[in-house]
C-alpha cells in the first residue's frame, strides 16, 4: 500500500515538473526577439501565433508556400550550380553566394557581405520576409529585409527606389562591368548576365543613351512597387501572380493580364495580350537586325539558334562591345521590352545607328616586284574606315609602324602574316591577314641515284629546285656538262666526283654542290627466263 502511494506521488510530481518546464522553455508563450535577445514570458503570445499559424485558415502560410513552389525562385538548380556544396561553403566570386542561396542573401542584406556558411540553404520564405522580427505586437508578415524606403545602389551606380521591389533589385540587376577599353576581348561570362531587370525598369541598362534621357514607360506613379505591381497582384491560385511571380504559363501560353488592366495602367484600353503592342514589334525587329549584324562579323555564333552564344576569345572594338551589350540586355531581360518599352526601343535604335560608326580595319598589299623576289619592297594601302590611328605589325620581327600607308622591305624569303590595329572614336579594330606576303628567292637543289644501270658507274641526277625555275646547268665533275631536269650519266672510271647544279629563275641564279662516288662493281640483276 505504501508503495502504491509513493508511485502516485511520483506521478503527480512528474506532471507538475513537466508543466513547469513548458513554462520555462521557449514555445508559443515565450518571445525571443532577434533584435535584443531578451526573453519575455507572456501567456497571451500563443494568441499572436494563431493569427498566422491557425488550424482553421491556412491561406496565410500554405497558399503562399504552394505558390512559391511554382516560382523560378524555388529552384535548387542555381544553388547547386553556383555555390560550392562539395566544400559546403560560399566560395564563388559573383552573384551565387548572395542571390542563389537563402542564408547568403540574409547575410548580405544584414551585413553587406556574405560570410562562409557550412550549410548553404535554398531560397525560402525567410530569405525575403522577417515575420518574427521586432518586439511583440509589431510582427508583420509583409516585413521585408530591404525596406520600402531603402534606395538600392545598383552596380551601375544608379539608385533604384520603387517600394517593395527594392528587395528584388538587390539581385535583379546587371553585374559590374569593367570599363571598356578601345578593344574588348570577349570571354564566356562577359555581358549583362540574366538579371538586368532593375536596370531596364529605370532606364540605366546600356550604352549610347544617357540616364534619364528617356522617361520610363511605367512612371513611378503607376508602378510604385516596381516589379510587384505586375508580377504580384491578386494572382490566380498557384499558377499566376502573387508568390509565383509568373505572368504566363509556358506550357499553354496563357497570359495573366489582370494586373495590366489596373486603372492606373491600361484600365482605359484593356489588355488581352501583353505582347500585342506595335512598339514591342519594333523592338523585336531592331533586335533581329542587331543579331544579324553581330553574327555577320563573327561576334555571335551563327550555329546557335538562341542568338545568345558569344564567340569567345574574340577581340572587338569598344563600340561593337557596347552594341553587343545592349543586344544582350534586351535578350536577357526576358520581357521582350515590356519592362520599359520606350527605353528599350531607344536603346536598340541607338545601337543600330552606331553600327555604321564602328571602326573597321582592312588593307591591301602591293609588292614592288611582281616576281616577289627578296629583298622585296611592299607598299601597304589602308582600306580602313572610321579610324585615325594605325599600328602595323609586318610579321618579320621588325619595329611596328604608325603610318597610314607604310612601305616595308622584306629582306629574307618566306611567308609573312601582317596585322593592322586601327583605332578611332569607336575603339580599336584589328585585322590579321595570314600568309599575306610571300617573298621568294632562287634556291638550287638536286638528288643523286646510284642504283640504276647494270654497273655501279651510272648515276641519275634530278633537279629539285623549288619554285619557278627557268633552266638548269650541270657540271658532272669529270669534265662533262649537261642541261635538263633529269640527267643519266655513266662515269668511265671509278672514283668520287664533285657535281654542281646552277638553277636560273626570276629571282636570279643559285648554285649547289654535292659529291657522287662510283665503282666498277657489277650490279646484281635478277631475271627469269621463260
Protein backbone atom coordinates (compact mmCIF):
# COMPACT_ATOMS: atom_id res chain seq x y z
CA UNK A 1 0.00 0.00 0.00
CA UNK A 2 2.81 2.36 0.87
CA UNK A 3 4.50 1.56 -2.38
CA UNK A 4 1.33 2.45 -4.29
CA UNK A 5 1.11 5.83 -2.56
CA UNK A 6 4.73 6.59 -3.34
CA UNK A 7 4.18 5.81 -7.02
CA UNK A 8 1.17 8.09 -7.23
CA UNK A 9 3.13 10.83 -5.55
CA UNK A 10 5.90 10.41 -8.10
CA UNK A 11 3.43 10.67 -10.97
CA UNK A 12 1.98 13.90 -9.58
CA UNK A 13 5.50 15.32 -9.17
CA UNK A 14 6.43 14.49 -12.78
CA UNK A 15 3.31 16.16 -14.15
CA UNK A 16 3.98 19.30 -12.13
CA UNK A 17 7.63 19.33 -13.22
CA UNK A 18 6.71 18.91 -16.89
CA UNK A 19 4.28 21.83 -16.66
CA UNK A 20 6.98 23.97 -15.12
CA UNK A 21 9.44 23.02 -17.85
CA UNK A 22 6.99 24.13 -20.51
CA UNK A 23 6.70 27.44 -18.74
CA UNK A 24 10.46 27.84 -18.52
CA UNK A 25 11.45 26.94 -22.06
CA UNK A 26 10.58 28.79 -25.29
CA UNK A 27 7.34 27.99 -27.06
CA UNK A 28 4.34 29.96 -28.20
CA UNK A 29 4.24 31.51 -24.70
CA UNK A 30 7.78 32.89 -24.95
CA UNK A 31 9.19 35.52 -27.32
CA UNK A 32 12.86 35.72 -28.14
CA UNK A 33 13.43 38.66 -30.47
CA UNK A 34 16.26 38.82 -32.98
CA UNK A 35 16.90 42.45 -32.18
CA UNK A 36 17.54 42.44 -28.43
CA UNK A 37 17.83 38.77 -27.40
CA UNK A 38 15.54 39.47 -24.46
CA UNK A 39 13.34 36.58 -23.40
CA UNK A 40 9.87 37.74 -22.43
CA UNK A 41 7.24 35.46 -20.88
CA UNK A 42 3.68 36.27 -21.82
CA UNK A 43 0.83 33.77 -21.63
CA UNK A 44 -1.05 35.66 -24.37
CA UNK A 45 1.66 35.14 -27.01
CA UNK A 46 0.01 31.95 -28.16
CA UNK A 47 -2.85 34.07 -29.42
CA UNK A 48 -0.41 36.03 -31.60
CA UNK A 49 0.98 32.79 -33.06
CA UNK A 50 -2.52 31.71 -34.02
CA UNK A 51 -3.03 34.85 -36.08
CA UNK A 52 -0.87 33.17 -38.72
CA UNK A 53 -0.48 29.54 -37.65
CA UNK A 54 -4.16 28.74 -37.23
CA UNK A 55 -5.79 25.36 -37.77
CA UNK A 56 -8.85 26.85 -39.43
CA UNK A 57 -7.28 29.22 -42.01
CA UNK A 58 -4.15 28.15 -43.83
CA UNK A 59 -4.23 30.86 -46.50
CA UNK A 60 -1.54 32.98 -44.85
CA UNK A 61 1.11 30.24 -44.89
CA UNK A 62 0.17 27.25 -47.01
CA UNK A 63 -1.06 29.07 -50.11
CA UNK A 64 2.00 31.35 -50.44
CA UNK A 65 4.27 28.33 -49.94
CA UNK A 66 2.42 26.47 -52.68
CA UNK A 67 2.71 29.45 -54.99
CA UNK A 68 6.39 29.77 -54.16
CA UNK A 69 6.96 26.15 -55.13
CA UNK A 70 5.71 27.09 -58.63
CA UNK A 71 8.11 30.01 -58.95
CA UNK A 72 11.52 30.17 -60.58
CA UNK A 73 12.98 31.30 -57.26
CA UNK A 74 12.19 27.92 -55.69
CA UNK A 75 14.60 26.05 -57.95
CA UNK A 76 17.64 24.46 -56.34
CA UNK A 77 19.48 24.36 -59.67
CA UNK A 78 21.07 27.79 -59.25
CA UNK A 79 22.24 26.96 -55.75
CA UNK A 80 23.85 23.74 -56.93
CA UNK A 81 25.39 25.38 -59.99
CA UNK A 82 26.92 28.45 -58.39
CA UNK A 83 27.54 27.72 -54.71
CA UNK A 84 30.16 25.17 -53.74
CA UNK A 85 28.27 22.38 -51.99
CA UNK A 86 31.13 19.90 -52.08
CA UNK A 87 33.14 22.16 -49.82
CA UNK A 88 29.93 23.21 -48.06
CA UNK A 89 30.80 26.88 -48.27
CA UNK A 90 30.21 30.03 -50.27
CA UNK A 91 33.22 30.41 -52.50
CA UNK A 92 32.06 31.74 -55.86
CA UNK A 93 33.09 35.28 -56.70
CA UNK A 94 29.96 36.58 -58.41
CA UNK A 95 26.25 36.54 -57.65
CA UNK A 96 25.92 32.92 -56.50
CA UNK A 97 26.58 33.38 -52.77
CA UNK A 98 24.34 36.45 -52.46
CA UNK A 99 21.43 35.69 -54.75
CA UNK A 100 21.31 31.94 -55.21
CA UNK A 101 21.14 30.89 -51.57
CA UNK A 102 18.77 31.88 -48.79
CA UNK A 103 21.26 32.45 -45.99
CA UNK A 104 23.65 34.17 -48.38
CA UNK A 105 21.01 36.81 -49.18
CA UNK A 106 20.19 37.24 -45.49
CA UNK A 107 23.87 37.72 -44.65
CA UNK A 108 24.33 40.26 -47.44
CA UNK A 109 21.28 42.37 -46.58
CA UNK A 110 22.18 42.37 -42.88
CA UNK A 111 25.95 42.77 -43.06
CA UNK A 112 26.73 43.98 -46.56
CA UNK A 113 28.78 40.87 -47.26
CA UNK A 114 28.48 37.11 -47.39
CA UNK A 115 30.27 35.06 -44.79
CA UNK A 116 31.19 31.40 -45.10
CA UNK A 117 28.29 29.14 -44.21
CA UNK A 118 28.70 25.41 -43.82
CA UNK A 119 25.17 24.68 -45.00
CA UNK A 120 24.01 26.97 -47.85
CA UNK A 121 20.21 26.98 -47.94
CA UNK A 122 17.78 27.26 -50.82
CA UNK A 123 15.80 30.47 -51.18
CA UNK A 124 12.75 30.28 -48.89
CA UNK A 125 10.13 32.43 -47.15
CA UNK A 126 12.59 33.81 -44.61
CA UNK A 127 15.05 34.82 -47.30
CA UNK A 128 12.81 37.80 -48.05
CA UNK A 129 10.40 38.01 -45.10
CA UNK A 130 11.03 38.68 -41.39
CA UNK A 131 7.64 37.89 -39.80
CA UNK A 132 9.06 37.27 -36.30
CA UNK A 133 11.38 40.26 -36.12
CA UNK A 134 10.75 43.14 -33.75
CA UNK A 135 9.09 43.48 -30.38
CA UNK A 136 5.87 41.73 -29.52
CA UNK A 137 2.93 43.44 -31.15
CA UNK A 138 4.95 44.65 -34.16
CA UNK A 139 5.24 41.36 -36.04
CA UNK A 140 4.30 41.71 -39.75
CA UNK A 141 4.06 39.14 -42.48
CA UNK A 142 4.95 41.80 -45.04
CA UNK A 143 8.11 42.97 -43.24
CA UNK A 144 10.85 42.64 -45.86
CA UNK A 145 14.60 42.56 -45.36
CA UNK A 146 15.04 45.52 -47.71
CA UNK A 147 12.63 48.27 -46.76
CA UNK A 148 10.22 50.23 -48.95
CA UNK A 149 12.14 53.45 -48.40
CA UNK A 150 15.60 51.97 -48.91
CA UNK A 151 17.40 53.03 -52.08
CA UNK A 152 19.31 50.19 -53.70
CA UNK A 153 22.52 51.37 -55.35
CA UNK A 154 22.87 49.26 -58.48
CA UNK A 155 26.22 48.04 -59.73
CA UNK A 156 25.95 50.74 -62.39
CA UNK A 157 26.00 53.37 -59.62
CA UNK A 158 22.36 54.41 -60.15
CA UNK A 159 19.73 54.37 -57.43
CA UNK A 160 16.69 52.12 -57.60
CA UNK A 161 13.82 53.07 -55.30
CA UNK A 162 10.43 51.57 -56.12
CA UNK A 163 8.78 50.47 -52.90
CA UNK A 164 8.68 46.78 -52.08
CA UNK A 165 10.54 45.88 -55.27
CA UNK A 166 13.68 47.45 -53.80
CA UNK A 167 14.33 43.99 -52.44
CA UNK A 168 14.06 42.47 -55.93
CA UNK A 169 16.62 44.95 -57.23
CA UNK A 170 19.33 43.63 -54.90
CA UNK A 171 19.68 40.61 -57.20
CA UNK A 172 17.83 41.53 -60.38
CA UNK A 173 20.50 43.94 -61.60
CA UNK A 174 23.36 43.68 -64.04
CA UNK A 175 26.77 42.77 -62.59
CA UNK A 176 29.60 45.27 -62.53
CA UNK A 177 31.11 45.69 -65.99
CA UNK A 178 34.74 46.67 -66.25
CA UNK A 179 35.28 49.94 -68.17
CA UNK A 180 35.52 49.28 -71.88
CA UNK A 181 38.90 49.85 -73.45
CA UNK A 182 39.45 50.61 -77.12
CA UNK A 183 39.49 46.86 -77.75
CA UNK A 184 37.49 44.30 -75.73
CA UNK A 185 38.29 40.59 -75.58
CA UNK A 186 35.13 38.53 -75.10
CA UNK A 187 35.02 35.77 -72.51
CA UNK A 188 32.37 33.21 -71.70
CA UNK A 189 30.87 35.26 -68.84
CA UNK A 190 31.09 38.69 -70.50
CA UNK A 191 27.93 40.75 -70.63
CA UNK A 192 24.92 41.73 -68.54
CA UNK A 193 24.01 38.21 -67.32
CA UNK A 194 20.42 37.06 -66.70
CA UNK A 195 19.48 39.69 -64.12
CA UNK A 196 19.18 43.11 -65.73
CA UNK A 197 15.54 43.83 -64.90
CA UNK A 198 16.09 46.62 -62.34
CA UNK A 199 18.41 48.47 -64.72
CA UNK A 200 15.90 48.17 -67.55
CA UNK A 201 12.94 49.35 -65.47
CA UNK A 202 14.66 52.62 -64.50
CA UNK A 203 16.39 53.02 -67.89
CA UNK A 204 20.06 52.67 -66.93
CA UNK A 205 20.90 49.41 -68.62
CA UNK A 206 23.07 50.11 -71.63
CA UNK A 207 25.29 52.30 -73.75
CA UNK A 208 24.67 55.28 -76.06
CA UNK A 209 21.57 56.52 -74.18
CA UNK A 210 22.11 58.92 -71.29
CA UNK A 211 20.49 58.01 -67.99
CA UNK A 212 17.16 59.81 -67.66
CA UNK A 213 17.11 60.83 -71.31
CA UNK A 214 14.15 58.55 -71.96
CA UNK A 215 11.31 58.66 -69.41
CA UNK A 216 10.25 55.22 -68.28
CA UNK A 217 7.16 53.80 -69.94
CA UNK A 218 5.97 52.84 -66.47
CA UNK A 219 6.05 56.02 -64.41
CA UNK A 220 6.61 55.57 -60.64
CA UNK A 221 3.04 56.70 -60.02
CA UNK A 222 1.90 53.62 -61.94
CA UNK A 223 4.41 51.15 -60.51
CA UNK A 224 5.04 52.43 -57.00
CA UNK A 225 6.18 48.92 -56.07
CA UNK A 226 8.02 48.26 -59.32
CA UNK A 227 8.17 44.56 -60.20
CA UNK A 228 5.42 43.64 -57.76
CA UNK A 229 2.77 45.84 -59.37
CA UNK A 230 2.77 43.45 -62.31
CA UNK A 231 4.26 40.20 -61.06
CA UNK A 232 2.42 40.01 -57.73
CA UNK A 233 -1.07 41.50 -57.83
CA UNK A 234 -4.08 39.40 -56.93
CA UNK A 235 -2.85 36.23 -58.62
CA UNK A 236 -4.70 33.16 -59.82
CA UNK A 237 -4.35 30.23 -57.46
CA UNK A 238 -0.97 28.55 -57.73
CA UNK A 239 -0.36 29.46 -61.38
CA UNK A 240 -0.05 33.22 -61.79
CA UNK A 241 0.87 36.29 -59.80
CA UNK A 242 1.44 36.62 -56.08
CA UNK A 243 4.30 34.39 -54.87
CA UNK A 244 4.61 32.57 -58.20
CA UNK A 245 5.64 35.91 -59.78
CA UNK A 246 4.64 34.34 -63.10
CA UNK A 247 2.68 36.15 -65.79
CA UNK A 248 2.44 33.38 -68.36
CA UNK A 249 2.00 29.63 -68.47
CA UNK A 250 4.86 28.34 -70.60
CA UNK A 251 3.02 25.08 -71.24
CA UNK A 252 -0.27 26.55 -72.52
CA UNK A 253 0.75 30.08 -73.49
CA UNK A 254 -1.98 31.54 -71.30
CA UNK A 255 -1.20 35.04 -70.01
CA UNK A 256 -2.10 36.69 -66.73
CA UNK A 257 -3.17 40.19 -67.80
CA UNK A 258 -5.42 41.34 -64.95
CA UNK A 259 -2.61 43.33 -63.34
CA UNK A 260 -2.01 45.09 -66.66
CA UNK A 261 -5.57 46.34 -66.61
CA UNK A 262 -5.17 48.23 -63.38
CA UNK A 263 -6.91 51.63 -63.81
CA UNK A 264 -3.55 53.39 -63.37
CA UNK A 265 -2.04 51.46 -66.27
CA UNK A 266 -4.17 50.08 -69.11
CA UNK A 267 -7.56 50.45 -67.48
CA UNK A 268 -8.96 52.63 -70.26
CA UNK A 269 -7.99 50.20 -73.01
CA UNK A 270 -7.95 46.68 -71.57
CA UNK A 271 -5.04 44.42 -72.49
CA UNK A 272 -5.69 40.87 -73.65
CA UNK A 273 -2.14 40.07 -74.78
CA UNK A 274 0.75 41.92 -73.18
CA UNK A 275 2.91 41.40 -76.28
CA UNK A 276 0.32 42.85 -78.67
CA UNK A 277 1.81 46.33 -78.93
CA UNK A 278 3.35 47.97 -82.00
CA UNK A 279 6.34 49.24 -80.04
CA UNK A 280 7.21 45.69 -78.99
CA UNK A 281 7.16 44.58 -82.64
CA UNK A 282 9.51 47.45 -83.43
CA UNK A 283 11.85 46.46 -80.59
CA UNK A 284 11.89 42.85 -81.76
CA UNK A 285 12.75 43.92 -85.32
CA UNK A 286 15.63 46.07 -84.05
CA UNK A 287 16.97 43.14 -82.03
CA UNK A 288 16.76 40.80 -85.03
CA UNK A 289 18.74 43.30 -87.12
CA UNK A 290 21.41 43.58 -84.46
CA UNK A 291 21.65 39.82 -84.19
CA UNK A 292 22.21 39.56 -87.96
CA UNK A 293 24.92 42.23 -87.87
CA UNK A 294 26.70 40.76 -84.85
CA UNK A 295 26.64 37.32 -86.43
CA UNK A 296 27.94 38.62 -89.77
CA UNK A 297 31.17 39.88 -88.19
CA UNK A 298 31.80 36.79 -86.07
CA UNK A 299 30.74 38.14 -82.68
CA UNK A 300 27.71 35.84 -82.23
CA UNK A 301 27.91 32.13 -83.01
CA UNK A 302 25.89 31.52 -86.21
CA UNK A 303 25.28 27.87 -85.25
CA UNK A 304 23.43 28.80 -82.05
CA UNK A 305 19.71 29.23 -82.70
CA UNK A 306 19.18 31.10 -79.43
CA UNK A 307 21.25 34.07 -80.60
CA UNK A 308 22.95 34.29 -77.21
CA UNK A 309 26.27 32.49 -77.67
CA UNK A 310 29.29 34.77 -77.92
CA UNK A 311 32.32 33.70 -79.94
CA UNK A 312 34.83 33.84 -77.09
CA UNK A 313 38.47 34.91 -77.29
CA UNK A 314 37.41 37.41 -79.94
CA UNK A 315 38.74 40.96 -79.68
CA UNK A 316 36.31 43.62 -80.90
CA UNK A 317 36.13 47.44 -80.91
CA UNK A 318 34.59 49.32 -77.99
CA UNK A 319 31.50 50.32 -80.00
CA UNK A 320 30.94 46.72 -81.08
CA UNK A 321 31.16 45.59 -77.44
CA UNK A 322 28.67 48.30 -76.45
CA UNK A 323 26.24 47.21 -79.17
CA UNK A 324 26.61 43.57 -78.12
CA UNK A 325 25.91 44.54 -74.50
CA UNK A 326 22.74 46.41 -75.47
CA UNK A 327 21.53 43.49 -77.57
CA UNK A 328 22.18 41.01 -74.75
CA UNK A 329 20.43 43.33 -72.30
CA UNK A 330 17.27 43.10 -74.39
CA UNK A 331 17.51 39.34 -74.77
CA UNK A 332 18.43 38.54 -71.15
CA UNK A 333 15.88 40.91 -69.64
CA UNK A 334 13.34 38.34 -70.81
CA UNK A 335 10.34 40.67 -71.15
CA UNK A 336 10.66 41.40 -74.91
CA UNK A 337 10.75 45.07 -73.95
CA UNK A 338 7.66 45.10 -71.71
CA UNK A 339 9.70 46.19 -68.66
CA UNK A 340 10.42 49.56 -70.30
CA UNK A 341 9.35 49.75 -73.97
CA UNK A 342 10.28 53.37 -74.66
CA UNK A 343 13.78 52.97 -73.22
CA UNK A 344 14.45 49.63 -74.89
CA UNK A 345 13.26 50.91 -78.27
CA UNK A 346 15.57 53.92 -77.98
CA UNK A 347 18.49 51.76 -76.81
CA UNK A 348 18.33 49.36 -79.75
CA UNK A 349 17.78 52.15 -82.27
CA UNK A 350 20.88 53.90 -80.94
CA UNK A 351 22.82 50.65 -81.28
CA UNK A 352 21.84 50.29 -84.93
CA UNK A 353 22.76 53.91 -85.59
CA UNK A 354 26.24 53.35 -84.14
CA UNK A 355 26.87 50.28 -86.28
CA UNK A 356 27.99 52.38 -89.25
CA UNK A 357 30.40 54.21 -86.94
CA UNK A 358 32.27 51.05 -85.98
CA UNK A 359 35.99 51.15 -86.75
CA UNK A 360 36.75 48.62 -89.45
CA UNK A 361 40.33 47.64 -90.24
CA UNK A 362 41.35 46.47 -93.70
CA UNK A 363 44.26 46.87 -96.07
CA UNK A 364 45.68 45.85 -99.43
CA UNK A 365 49.20 44.71 -100.36
CA UNK A 366 51.12 45.96 -103.40
CA UNK A 367 54.53 44.25 -103.82
CA UNK A 368 57.09 46.31 -105.73
CA UNK A 369 58.36 43.29 -107.71
CA UNK A 370 55.82 41.09 -109.50
CA UNK A 371 58.24 38.18 -109.14
CA UNK A 372 58.23 38.67 -105.33
CA UNK A 373 62.00 38.35 -105.15
CA UNK A 374 63.93 39.12 -101.96
CA UNK A 375 64.69 41.75 -100.93
CA UNK A 376 61.08 42.72 -101.58
CA UNK A 377 59.64 46.21 -101.02
CA UNK A 378 55.92 46.06 -100.22
CA UNK A 379 53.54 49.00 -100.18
CA UNK A 380 50.61 48.59 -97.73
CA UNK A 381 47.42 50.51 -98.58
CA UNK A 382 44.97 51.32 -95.78
CA UNK A 383 41.33 50.49 -96.55
CA UNK A 384 40.00 51.07 -93.03
CA UNK A 385 37.01 53.24 -92.14
CA UNK A 386 36.17 55.32 -89.05
CA UNK A 387 39.76 55.26 -87.80
CA UNK A 388 42.56 57.79 -87.32
CA UNK A 389 45.39 55.86 -85.64
CA UNK A 390 47.31 52.91 -87.04
CA UNK A 391 49.72 50.27 -85.82
CA UNK A 392 51.23 47.80 -88.27
CA UNK A 393 52.94 44.53 -87.39
CA UNK A 394 54.73 43.26 -90.51
CA UNK A 395 55.28 39.77 -89.14
CA UNK A 396 59.07 39.64 -89.59
CA UNK A 397 60.14 40.86 -86.16
CA UNK A 398 60.79 44.41 -87.32
CA UNK A 399 59.62 47.54 -85.50
CA UNK A 400 55.90 48.41 -85.93
CA UNK A 401 54.79 51.38 -88.00
CA UNK A 402 52.19 54.04 -87.20
CA UNK A 403 51.92 55.33 -90.76
CA UNK A 404 48.65 55.06 -92.58
CA UNK A 405 50.16 53.62 -95.77
CA UNK A 406 53.61 52.30 -94.90
CA UNK A 407 56.19 50.70 -97.17
CA UNK A 408 58.26 47.83 -95.81
CA UNK A 409 61.20 45.81 -97.16
CA UNK A 410 61.36 42.07 -96.52
CA UNK A 411 64.99 41.04 -96.75
CA UNK A 412 64.54 37.27 -96.48
CA UNK A 413 62.44 34.80 -98.39
CA UNK A 414 59.42 33.49 -96.52
CA UNK A 415 55.69 33.83 -95.90
CA UNK A 416 54.59 36.60 -93.52
CA UNK A 417 51.41 37.36 -91.56
CA UNK A 418 50.56 41.06 -91.24
CA UNK A 419 48.36 42.63 -88.54
CA UNK A 420 46.80 46.09 -88.59
CA UNK A 421 45.28 47.63 -85.46
CA UNK A 422 43.22 50.67 -86.48
CA UNK A 423 41.74 52.94 -83.80
CA UNK A 424 39.00 55.56 -83.98
CA UNK A 425 36.31 57.09 -81.72
CA UNK A 426 34.55 53.72 -81.60
CA UNK A 427 37.58 51.81 -80.37
CA UNK A 428 40.19 49.63 -81.99
CA UNK A 429 39.61 47.18 -84.82
CA UNK A 430 42.17 44.50 -85.50
CA UNK A 431 42.61 42.63 -88.76
CA UNK A 432 45.18 39.90 -89.30
CA UNK A 433 45.87 38.54 -92.75
CA UNK A 434 47.63 35.18 -92.64
CA UNK A 435 50.32 34.44 -95.24
CA UNK A 436 49.54 37.71 -96.98
CA UNK A 437 53.14 38.40 -98.07
CA UNK A 438 55.26 35.77 -99.83
CA UNK A 439 58.88 36.60 -100.61
CA UNK A 440 60.80 34.35 -103.00
CA UNK A 441 64.41 33.62 -103.95
CA UNK A 442 66.11 31.10 -106.28
CA UNK A 443 67.34 28.01 -104.46
CA UNK A 444 69.18 25.20 -106.31
CA UNK A 445 68.72 21.59 -105.16
CA UNK A 446 69.11 18.11 -106.67
CA UNK A 447 69.12 14.40 -105.80
CA UNK A 448 71.52 11.59 -106.73
CA UNK A 449 70.55 7.96 -107.51
CA UNK A 450 73.42 5.46 -107.93
CA UNK A 451 71.26 2.35 -108.15
CA UNK A 452 70.35 2.46 -111.80
CA UNK A 453 72.02 0.70 -114.73
CA UNK A 454 73.86 -2.64 -114.95
CA UNK A 455 77.00 -1.43 -113.22
CA UNK A 456 77.80 0.99 -110.42
CA UNK A 457 79.33 3.63 -112.71
CA UNK A 458 75.95 5.02 -113.83
CA UNK A 459 74.08 7.68 -111.80
CA UNK A 460 70.86 9.63 -112.20
CA UNK A 461 70.72 13.31 -111.21
CA UNK A 462 67.31 15.02 -110.71
CA UNK A 463 66.75 18.76 -110.35
CA UNK A 464 64.66 19.50 -107.20
CA UNK A 465 64.95 23.28 -107.09
CA UNK A 466 61.68 24.76 -105.70
CA UNK A 467 59.61 27.48 -107.26
CA UNK A 468 59.70 28.83 -110.76
CA UNK A 469 62.97 27.69 -112.38
CA UNK A 470 63.64 28.74 -115.95
CA UNK A 471 66.61 26.43 -116.66
CA UNK A 472 69.43 24.44 -115.04
CA UNK A 473 73.01 23.57 -115.96
CA UNK A 474 75.02 20.62 -114.60
CA UNK A 475 78.77 20.17 -114.08
CA UNK A 476 79.32 16.43 -113.63
CA UNK A 477 82.80 16.71 -112.22
CA UNK A 478 84.55 14.60 -114.88
CA UNK A 479 84.83 17.30 -117.48
CA UNK A 480 81.32 16.77 -118.81
CA UNK A 481 78.36 19.15 -118.55
CA UNK A 482 74.63 18.70 -119.10
CA UNK A 483 71.29 20.51 -119.13
CA UNK A 484 67.76 19.45 -118.27
CA UNK A 485 65.92 18.50 -115.11
CA UNK A 486 66.95 14.80 -115.25
CA UNK A 487 70.43 13.59 -116.29
CA UNK A 488 71.63 9.95 -116.53
CA UNK A 489 75.45 9.79 -116.75
CA UNK A 490 77.95 6.93 -116.82
CA UNK A 491 81.42 7.62 -115.49
CA UNK A 492 84.31 5.87 -117.32
CA UNK A 493 86.37 5.26 -114.19
CA UNK A 494 85.54 4.67 -110.57
CA UNK A 495 86.10 7.48 -108.09
CA UNK A 496 84.49 10.43 -106.28
CA UNK A 497 83.32 13.35 -108.38
CA UNK A 498 82.09 16.80 -107.44
CA UNK A 499 78.73 17.62 -109.04
CA UNK A 500 77.28 21.12 -109.20
CA UNK A 501 73.89 22.47 -110.30
CA UNK A 502 73.20 26.05 -111.32
CA UNK A 503 69.49 26.95 -111.27
CA UNK A 504 68.25 30.05 -113.12
CA UNK A 505 64.92 31.71 -112.15
CA UNK A 506 63.11 35.07 -111.95
CA UNK A 507 64.99 35.89 -108.75
CA UNK A 508 68.46 35.18 -110.23
CA UNK A 509 70.73 32.16 -110.11
CA UNK A 510 71.81 29.83 -107.34
CA UNK A 511 74.44 27.08 -107.27
CA UNK A 512 74.62 23.98 -105.10
CA UNK A 513 77.24 21.23 -104.82
CA UNK A 514 77.36 17.53 -103.86
CA UNK A 515 79.62 14.52 -104.43
CA UNK A 516 78.98 11.20 -106.12
CA UNK A 517 81.05 8.06 -105.60
CA UNK A 518 81.07 5.29 -108.24
CA UNK A 519 82.94 1.97 -108.51
CA UNK A 520 83.43 -0.84 -111.05
CA UNK A 521 81.49 -3.41 -109.01
CA UNK A 522 78.94 -5.14 -111.22
CA UNK A 523 75.34 -4.78 -110.29
CA UNK A 524 73.33 -7.89 -109.39
CA UNK A 525 70.43 -8.29 -111.79
CA UNK A 526 67.54 -10.66 -111.11
CA UNK A 527 65.73 -12.07 -114.15
CA UNK A 528 63.57 -15.01 -115.17
CA UNK A 529 63.84 -16.95 -118.47
CA UNK A 530 60.56 -18.18 -119.92
